């Protein structure tokens, strides 16, 4: 699993968290899976999602989170 922390109010604050996976650090694919919230203390959430079986035909090995603002 991949784990990351995000703000509990991310939607209201206009923050978009996009988990991405890669097999080689060159090609990144955005996850289409909705993360599972494991802990929510009212300020932050710890969430997890499973690594994809393959990224560009290879096993997913690397993970990052892109954070952007709603336009």
Protein backbone atom coordinates (compact mmCIF):
# COMPACT_ATOMS: atom_id res chain seq x y z
CA UNK A 1 0.00 0.00 0.00
CA UNK A 2 0.92 3.66 -0.44
CA UNK A 3 0.11 6.00 2.45
CA UNK A 4 -0.03 9.78 2.60
CA UNK A 5 -1.41 12.59 4.74
CA UNK A 6 -3.84 15.24 3.50
CA UNK A 7 -5.89 18.01 5.06
CA UNK A 8 -9.34 16.93 6.26
CA UNK A 9 -10.85 20.02 4.64
CA UNK A 10 -9.00 19.56 1.34
CA UNK A 11 -12.16 19.74 -0.82
CA UNK A 12 -13.46 22.90 0.90
CA UNK A 13 -9.97 24.45 0.69
CA UNK A 14 -9.82 23.73 -3.05
CA UNK A 15 -6.91 21.29 -2.77
CA UNK A 16 -6.69 18.37 -5.17
CA UNK A 17 -4.45 15.45 -4.15
CA UNK A 18 -3.52 13.24 -7.12
CA UNK A 19 -1.61 10.06 -6.25
CA UNK A 20 0.64 8.91 -9.09
CA UNK A 21 2.59 5.70 -9.67
CA UNK A 22 5.60 4.86 -11.80
CA UNK A 23 7.75 1.89 -12.72
CA UNK A 24 10.78 3.94 -13.74
CA UNK A 25 10.52 7.60 -12.56
CA UNK A 26 9.96 8.65 -16.19
CA UNK A 27 6.35 7.74 -16.80
CA UNK A 28 3.79 8.63 -14.13
CA UNK A 29 0.15 7.51 -14.13
CA UNK A 30 -2.52 9.06 -11.94
CA UNK A 31 -4.37 6.59 -9.74
CA UNK A 32 -8.04 6.06 -10.48
CA UNK A 33 -8.63 4.43 -7.10
CA UNK A 34 -10.28 6.40 -4.29
CA UNK A 35 -8.00 6.38 -1.22
CA UNK A 36 -9.28 4.78 1.98
CA UNK A 37 -9.28 7.12 5.01
CA UNK A 38 -7.63 5.31 7.92
CA UNK A 39 -7.45 8.16 10.45
CA UNK A 40 -9.13 11.57 10.58
CA UNK A 41 -8.40 13.81 13.56
CA UNK A 42 -10.44 16.70 12.16
CA UNK A 43 -7.36 18.48 10.83
CA UNK A 44 -5.51 15.80 8.87
CA UNK A 45 -6.31 12.41 7.35
CA UNK A 46 -4.03 9.45 6.82
CA UNK A 47 -5.13 7.67 3.67
CA UNK A 48 -3.95 4.62 1.76
CA UNK A 49 -4.39 3.06 -1.63
CA UNK A 50 -3.09 -0.08 -3.27
CA UNK A 51 -0.29 0.00 -5.79
CA UNK A 52 -1.52 -0.80 -9.30
CA UNK A 53 -0.63 -4.21 -10.75
CA UNK A 54 1.17 -2.51 -13.62
CA UNK A 55 2.21 0.96 -14.78
CA UNK A 56 2.96 1.20 -18.49
CA UNK A 57 3.17 -2.60 -18.60
CA UNK A 58 5.66 -2.87 -15.72
CA UNK A 59 5.21 -3.38 -11.97
CA UNK A 60 4.48 -0.12 -10.14
CA UNK A 61 7.42 0.62 -7.84
CA UNK A 62 7.34 4.35 -7.07
CA UNK A 63 4.72 6.69 -5.66
CA UNK A 64 4.21 10.44 -5.40
CA UNK A 65 1.37 12.85 -4.68
CA UNK A 66 0.75 15.93 -6.80
CA UNK A 67 -1.14 18.70 -4.98
CA UNK A 68 -2.92 21.42 -6.94
CA UNK A 69 -5.56 24.08 -6.38
CA UNK A 70 -9.02 24.07 -7.89
CA UNK A 71 -9.12 26.67 -10.68
